[in-house]
């Protein structure tokens, strides 16, 4: 809210990202140790749905605060941060974690342990799945609004009309992704996490490839976006799948490290795919980004399946 230059905003976003990434890793590990395995796919869907609702809430906040300076929307972000104080006081550590820490004593594992022994293979494969899938996902989320706003069918529209149309398309994607969360959880419940991740990555590839392989009119384009939204359910699976892949005292570190390394790769990849787009037409960037979902679909099958509990 108080940023005056671009680098002020950059520093603030970096600090916020540290907190968001850390909270995701800790929360995922905490829930994976408390919920029975048979319920984990469904709680993962509920958690990811909360993310989608958060995005839509932010859009509503932006609309409601449209008469105020743009930076006023950042003040809304303070509210969820206040929940941390309640969590620190009211949510206890799990018995599994406390027992593991007591057994380890002063010999607490470090980040380097992720690249030693049998854990190393799991770490590397998980990083690849996260990095590749998130790169394609972020490229879609960033470039599809740009492509839609600059679509030839909207050339004579006012800026306000194009903005509203793009916002409605984003809401459609978010609503579709809620359905995708539960679809992914349903697949994971009966086929396992690995096959579910592979299937959803393939669905994401097919949806983006079909949408952007040839130019479409703006109505057909928006209709196809819903399938890409459903495909985003793959990320609901990460929350409950990744922490159990690692030893108890490395669950937060392992899940957080792999996922956030993937986010760093995705940030670079989003910029890279922008180089493929011509001025005013970002379809090619989205088309080429669709192929990023093929490798993680195969790599996911090489990962272990969490044991029954």
Protein backbone atom coordinates (compact mmCIF):
# COMPACT_ATOMS: atom_id res chain seq x y z
CA UNK A 1 0.00 0.00 0.00
CA UNK A 2 2.88 2.38 0.79
CA UNK A 3 5.08 1.39 -2.18
CA UNK A 4 6.24 4.39 -4.19
CA UNK A 5 8.41 2.78 -6.88
CA UNK A 6 8.49 -0.52 -8.75
CA UNK A 7 11.27 -1.92 -6.59
CA UNK A 8 9.31 -1.14 -3.42
CA UNK A 9 6.50 -3.27 -4.83
CA UNK A 10 9.00 -5.95 -5.83
CA UNK A 11 10.37 -6.21 -2.28
CA UNK A 12 6.88 -6.32 -0.78
CA UNK A 13 5.77 -9.04 -3.18
CA UNK A 14 8.90 -11.05 -2.40
CA UNK A 15 8.25 -10.85 1.34
CA UNK A 16 4.59 -11.78 0.85
CA UNK A 17 5.59 -14.73 -1.33
CA UNK A 18 7.93 -16.00 1.40
CA UNK A 19 5.01 -16.10 3.80
CA UNK A 20 2.54 -17.62 1.36
CA UNK A 21 4.98 -20.33 0.26
CA UNK A 22 5.91 -21.15 3.85
CA UNK A 23 2.30 -21.30 5.01
CA UNK A 24 1.40 -23.65 2.16
CA UNK A 25 4.18 -26.09 3.04
CA UNK A 26 3.44 -26.08 6.78
CA UNK A 27 -0.31 -26.37 6.27
CA UNK A 28 0.04 -29.22 3.77
CA UNK A 29 2.31 -31.20 6.11
CA UNK A 30 0.04 -30.55 9.11
CA UNK A 31 -3.07 -31.76 7.31
CA UNK A 32 -1.36 -34.79 5.78
CA UNK A 33 -0.45 -35.95 9.31
CA UNK A 34 -3.91 -35.45 10.81
CA UNK A 35 -6.45 -36.54 8.20
CA UNK A 36 -7.04 -40.26 7.45
CA UNK A 37 -5.65 -41.25 4.09
CA UNK A 38 -9.04 -42.11 2.58
CA UNK A 39 -10.23 -38.55 3.23
CA UNK A 40 -7.14 -36.75 1.98
CA UNK A 41 -8.19 -36.38 -1.67
CA UNK A 42 -11.43 -34.72 -0.62
CA UNK A 43 -9.86 -32.35 1.90
CA UNK A 44 -7.32 -31.47 -0.79
CA UNK A 45 -10.19 -30.51 -3.09
CA UNK A 46 -11.74 -28.35 -0.36
CA UNK A 47 -8.43 -26.59 0.30
CA UNK A 48 -7.78 -25.87 -3.37
CA UNK A 49 -11.34 -24.63 -3.71
CA UNK A 50 -10.54 -22.13 -0.96
CA UNK A 51 -7.72 -20.86 -3.19
CA UNK A 52 -10.15 -20.37 -6.07
CA UNK A 53 -12.61 -18.60 -3.79
CA UNK A 54 -9.78 -16.38 -2.60
CA UNK A 55 -8.98 -15.36 -6.18
CA UNK A 56 -12.63 -14.57 -6.87
CA UNK A 57 -12.90 -12.67 -3.58
CA UNK A 58 -9.91 -10.56 -4.59
CA UNK A 59 -11.63 -9.79 -7.89
CA UNK A 60 -14.80 -8.79 -6.04
CA UNK A 61 -12.73 -6.60 -3.71
CA UNK A 62 -11.15 -4.91 -6.71
CA UNK A 63 -14.60 -4.24 -8.16
CA UNK A 64 -15.98 -2.96 -4.84
CA UNK A 65 -13.00 -0.67 -4.30
CA UNK A 66 -12.88 0.55 -7.90
CA UNK A 67 -13.62 4.12 -6.80
CA UNK A 68 -10.55 4.13 -4.52
CA UNK A 69 -6.87 4.12 -5.54
CA UNK A 70 -5.77 0.78 -7.02
CA UNK A 71 -3.36 0.15 -4.14
CA UNK A 72 -6.29 0.06 -1.71
CA UNK A 73 -6.93 -3.56 -2.75
CA UNK A 74 -3.66 -4.55 -1.05
CA UNK A 75 -5.19 -3.68 2.32
CA UNK A 76 -7.62 -6.59 1.90
CA UNK A 77 -4.63 -8.93 1.99
CA UNK A 78 -3.98 -8.04 5.63
CA UNK A 79 -7.09 -9.90 6.80
CA UNK A 80 -5.97 -13.51 6.12
CA UNK A 81 -2.54 -12.72 7.54
CA UNK A 82 -4.17 -12.06 10.91
CA UNK A 83 -5.28 -15.71 11.03
CA UNK A 84 -1.67 -16.70 11.64
CA UNK A 85 -1.86 -15.36 15.20
CA UNK A 86 -4.86 -17.58 15.94
CA UNK A 87 -3.22 -20.62 14.33
CA UNK A 88 -0.08 -20.18 16.42
CA UNK A 89 -2.13 -20.19 19.62
CA UNK A 90 -4.92 -22.66 18.86
CA UNK A 91 -3.53 -25.33 16.49
CA UNK A 92 -1.20 -27.86 18.19
CA UNK A 93 1.64 -29.76 16.55
CA UNK A 94 0.72 -33.28 15.48
CA UNK A 95 1.59 -36.25 17.67
CA UNK A 96 3.45 -37.85 14.76
CA UNK A 97 5.72 -34.81 14.40
CA UNK A 98 6.34 -34.51 18.14
CA UNK A 99 7.31 -38.19 18.39
CA UNK A 100 9.65 -37.93 15.41
CA UNK A 101 11.31 -34.85 16.84
CA UNK A 102 11.77 -36.51 20.23
CA UNK A 103 13.43 -39.52 18.58
CA UNK A 104 15.74 -37.29 16.54
CA UNK A 105 16.83 -35.25 19.56
CA UNK A 106 19.41 -32.65 18.56
CA UNK A 107 20.08 -34.38 15.23
CA UNK A 108 17.48 -32.48 13.21
CA UNK A 109 17.51 -33.05 9.41
CA UNK A 110 18.68 -30.26 7.12
CA UNK A 111 17.71 -29.30 3.58
CA UNK A 112 20.70 -31.22 2.22
CA UNK A 113 19.05 -34.44 3.43
CA UNK A 114 16.58 -34.07 0.58
CA UNK A 115 19.39 -34.98 -1.81
CA UNK A 116 20.76 -37.97 0.07
CA UNK A 117 19.86 -41.64 0.03
CA UNK A 118 16.51 -42.86 -1.22
CA UNK A 119 14.91 -39.43 -0.72
CA UNK A 120 17.04 -37.86 -3.47
CA UNK A 121 15.20 -39.56 -6.33
CA UNK A 122 11.82 -38.52 -4.93
CA UNK A 123 13.02 -34.94 -4.47
CA UNK A 124 14.31 -34.60 -8.02
CA UNK A 125 11.22 -36.14 -9.60
CA UNK A 126 8.89 -34.00 -7.48
CA UNK A 127 10.76 -30.83 -8.43
CA UNK A 128 10.45 -31.72 -12.11
CA UNK A 129 6.71 -32.37 -11.83
CA UNK A 130 6.16 -29.09 -9.98
CA UNK A 131 8.42 -26.98 -12.19
CA UNK A 132 7.06 -28.22 -15.51
CA UNK A 133 3.37 -28.25 -14.59
CA UNK A 134 3.48 -24.88 -12.83
CA UNK A 135 5.30 -23.33 -15.80
CA UNK A 136 2.50 -24.36 -18.14
CA UNK A 137 -0.14 -23.34 -15.59
CA UNK A 138 1.28 -19.90 -14.91
CA UNK A 139 1.83 -19.28 -18.61
CA UNK A 140 -1.87 -19.99 -19.13
CA UNK A 141 -3.03 -17.78 -16.25
CA UNK A 142 -0.85 -14.87 -17.34
CA UNK A 143 -1.22 -15.01 -21.12
CA UNK A 144 -4.82 -16.05 -21.69
CA UNK A 145 -6.25 -12.70 -20.40
CA UNK A 146 -3.77 -10.85 -22.63
CA UNK A 147 -4.79 -12.95 -25.62
CA UNK A 148 -8.47 -12.42 -24.89
CA UNK A 149 -8.17 -8.66 -24.38
CA UNK A 150 -6.36 -8.27 -27.69
CA UNK A 151 -8.61 -10.62 -29.67
CA UNK A 152 -9.59 -9.16 -33.09
CA UNK A 153 -13.30 -9.61 -32.27
CA UNK A 154 -12.88 -7.13 -29.41
CA UNK A 155 -11.00 -4.51 -31.43
CA UNK A 156 -13.94 -2.08 -31.50
CA UNK A 157 -14.88 -2.59 -27.87
CA UNK A 158 -14.11 0.03 -25.23
CA UNK A 159 -11.38 -0.65 -22.68
CA UNK A 160 -14.02 -1.02 -19.98
CA UNK A 161 -15.99 -3.60 -21.95
CA UNK A 162 -12.87 -5.62 -22.71
CA UNK A 163 -11.85 -5.54 -19.06
CA UNK A 164 -15.28 -6.74 -17.94
CA UNK A 165 -15.32 -9.49 -20.55
CA UNK A 166 -11.86 -10.68 -19.51
CA UNK A 167 -12.87 -10.62 -15.84
CA UNK A 168 -15.92 -12.75 -16.57
CA UNK A 169 -13.69 -15.21 -18.43
CA UNK A 170 -11.38 -15.41 -15.41
CA UNK A 171 -14.36 -16.06 -13.12
CA UNK A 172 -15.46 -18.86 -15.47
CA UNK A 173 -12.00 -20.42 -15.23
CA UNK A 174 -12.05 -20.22 -11.43
CA UNK A 175 -15.53 -21.77 -11.20
CA UNK A 176 -14.49 -24.53 -13.58
CA UNK A 177 -11.38 -25.19 -11.53
CA UNK A 178 -13.55 -25.86 -8.47
CA UNK A 179 -15.20 -28.69 -10.40
CA UNK A 180 -11.73 -29.80 -11.45
CA UNK A 181 -10.59 -30.03 -7.84
CA UNK A 182 -13.23 -32.62 -7.04
CA UNK A 183 -12.75 -34.44 -10.33
CA UNK A 184 -9.04 -34.83 -9.56
CA UNK A 185 -9.84 -35.99 -6.04
CA UNK A 186 -12.32 -38.54 -7.38
CA UNK A 187 -9.69 -39.96 -9.73
CA UNK A 188 -7.08 -40.04 -6.95
CA UNK A 189 -9.48 -41.82 -4.61
CA UNK A 190 -9.90 -44.74 -6.99
CA UNK A 191 -6.74 -44.77 -9.13
CA UNK A 192 -4.15 -43.25 -6.80
CA UNK A 193 -2.38 -39.91 -6.81
CA UNK A 194 0.20 -40.72 -9.47
CA UNK A 195 -2.34 -41.73 -12.11
CA UNK A 196 -4.59 -38.84 -11.15
CA UNK A 197 -1.77 -36.31 -11.58
CA UNK A 198 -0.82 -37.88 -14.92
CA UNK A 199 -4.44 -37.84 -16.13
CA UNK A 200 -5.04 -34.21 -15.13
CA UNK A 201 -1.77 -33.07 -16.75
CA UNK A 202 -2.81 -34.80 -19.97
CA UNK A 203 -6.22 -33.11 -19.76
CA UNK A 204 -4.53 -29.72 -19.31
CA UNK A 205 -2.38 -30.38 -22.38
CA UNK A 206 -5.36 -31.43 -24.51
CA UNK A 207 -7.43 -28.43 -23.41
CA UNK A 208 -4.73 -25.85 -24.15
CA UNK A 209 -3.61 -27.54 -27.37
CA UNK A 210 -7.17 -27.69 -28.72
CA UNK A 211 -7.92 -24.11 -27.68
CA UNK A 212 -4.83 -22.46 -29.15
CA UNK A 213 -3.70 -24.64 -32.06
CA UNK A 214 -5.87 -22.58 -34.42
CA UNK A 215 -7.47 -19.13 -34.06
CA UNK A 216 -10.98 -19.18 -32.58
CA UNK A 217 -13.63 -16.48 -32.28
CA UNK A 218 -14.01 -14.93 -28.84
CA UNK A 219 -17.17 -16.86 -27.92
CA UNK A 220 -15.68 -20.25 -28.76
CA UNK A 221 -12.48 -19.24 -26.99
CA UNK A 222 -14.29 -18.51 -23.73
CA UNK A 223 -16.25 -21.76 -24.00
CA UNK A 224 -13.00 -23.73 -24.31
CA UNK A 225 -11.49 -21.99 -21.28
CA UNK A 226 -13.74 -23.95 -18.95
CA UNK A 227 -11.93 -27.19 -19.83
CA UNK A 228 -8.59 -25.61 -18.96
CA UNK A 229 -10.14 -24.52 -15.69
CA UNK A 230 -11.22 -28.07 -14.90
CA UNK A 231 -7.68 -29.26 -15.65
CA UNK A 232 -6.31 -27.05 -12.88
CA UNK A 233 -7.63 -29.57 -10.39
CA UNK A 234 -4.25 -31.27 -10.68
CA UNK A 235 -2.84 -28.75 -8.20
CA UNK A 236 -5.37 -29.79 -5.56
CA UNK A 237 -3.58 -33.15 -5.46
CA UNK A 238 -0.18 -31.67 -4.64
CA UNK A 239 -1.28 -30.53 -1.18
CA UNK A 240 -1.98 -34.00 0.20
CA UNK A 241 0.33 -36.02 -2.05
CA UNK A 242 3.72 -34.38 -1.60
CA UNK A 243 4.27 -34.23 2.19
CA UNK A 244 3.92 -38.02 2.80
CA UNK A 245 6.61 -38.64 0.18
CA UNK A 246 9.21 -37.44 2.68
CA UNK A 247 10.24 -38.52 6.20
CA UNK A 248 8.20 -36.86 8.96
CA UNK A 249 10.76 -34.20 9.92
CA UNK A 250 11.39 -33.38 6.25
CA UNK A 251 7.76 -33.13 5.15
CA UNK A 252 7.40 -29.38 5.44
CA UNK A 253 10.89 -28.78 4.04
CA UNK A 254 10.52 -31.29 1.22
CA UNK A 255 7.06 -30.24 0.05
CA UNK A 256 7.85 -26.54 0.39
CA UNK A 257 11.25 -26.82 -1.32
CA UNK A 258 9.95 -28.78 -4.31
CA UNK A 259 6.84 -26.66 -4.81
CA UNK A 260 8.58 -23.32 -4.43
CA UNK A 261 11.48 -24.28 -6.69
CA UNK A 262 8.75 -25.09 -9.17
CA UNK A 263 7.27 -21.62 -8.70
CA UNK A 264 10.63 -20.01 -9.42
CA UNK A 265 10.95 -22.04 -12.62
CA UNK A 266 7.39 -21.12 -13.55
CA UNK A 267 8.10 -17.40 -13.17
CA UNK A 268 11.00 -17.67 -15.60
CA UNK A 269 9.04 -19.92 -17.93
CA UNK A 270 6.12 -17.50 -18.16
CA UNK A 271 8.46 -14.78 -19.40
CA UNK A 272 10.16 -17.21 -21.79
CA UNK A 273 6.92 -18.25 -23.47
CA UNK A 274 6.08 -14.60 -23.93
CA UNK A 275 8.95 -14.46 -26.42
CA UNK A 276 6.95 -16.72 -28.73
CA UNK A 277 4.05 -14.32 -28.93
CA UNK A 278 3.78 -11.71 -31.64
CA UNK A 279 2.63 -8.21 -30.79
CA UNK A 280 -1.07 -8.25 -30.01
CA UNK A 281 -1.45 -12.05 -30.40
CA UNK A 282 -0.39 -14.32 -27.56
CA UNK A 283 -1.93 -17.49 -28.97
CA UNK A 284 1.42 -19.04 -29.89
CA UNK A 285 2.77 -18.54 -26.36
CA UNK A 286 -0.22 -20.45 -25.00
CA UNK A 287 0.02 -23.12 -27.69
CA UNK A 288 3.67 -23.90 -26.98
CA UNK A 289 3.11 -23.73 -23.22
CA UNK A 290 0.59 -26.59 -23.51
CA UNK A 291 3.45 -29.03 -24.19
CA UNK A 292 4.84 -28.37 -20.71
CA UNK A 293 2.20 -30.73 -19.31
CA UNK A 294 3.37 -33.81 -21.21
CA UNK A 295 6.65 -34.47 -19.30
CA UNK A 296 5.09 -34.21 -15.79
CA UNK A 297 2.33 -36.62 -16.88
CA UNK A 298 5.03 -39.23 -17.50
CA UNK A 299 7.29 -38.31 -14.58
CA UNK A 300 4.39 -38.53 -12.10
CA UNK A 301 4.11 -42.25 -12.85
CA UNK A 302 7.70 -42.72 -11.64
CA UNK A 303 6.96 -41.26 -8.20
CA UNK A 304 6.03 -43.51 -5.25
CA UNK A 305 2.46 -43.85 -4.05
CA UNK A 306 2.00 -42.94 -0.35
CA UNK A 307 1.48 -46.09 1.75
CA UNK A 308 -1.88 -47.02 3.21
CA UNK A 309 -2.42 -45.87 6.78
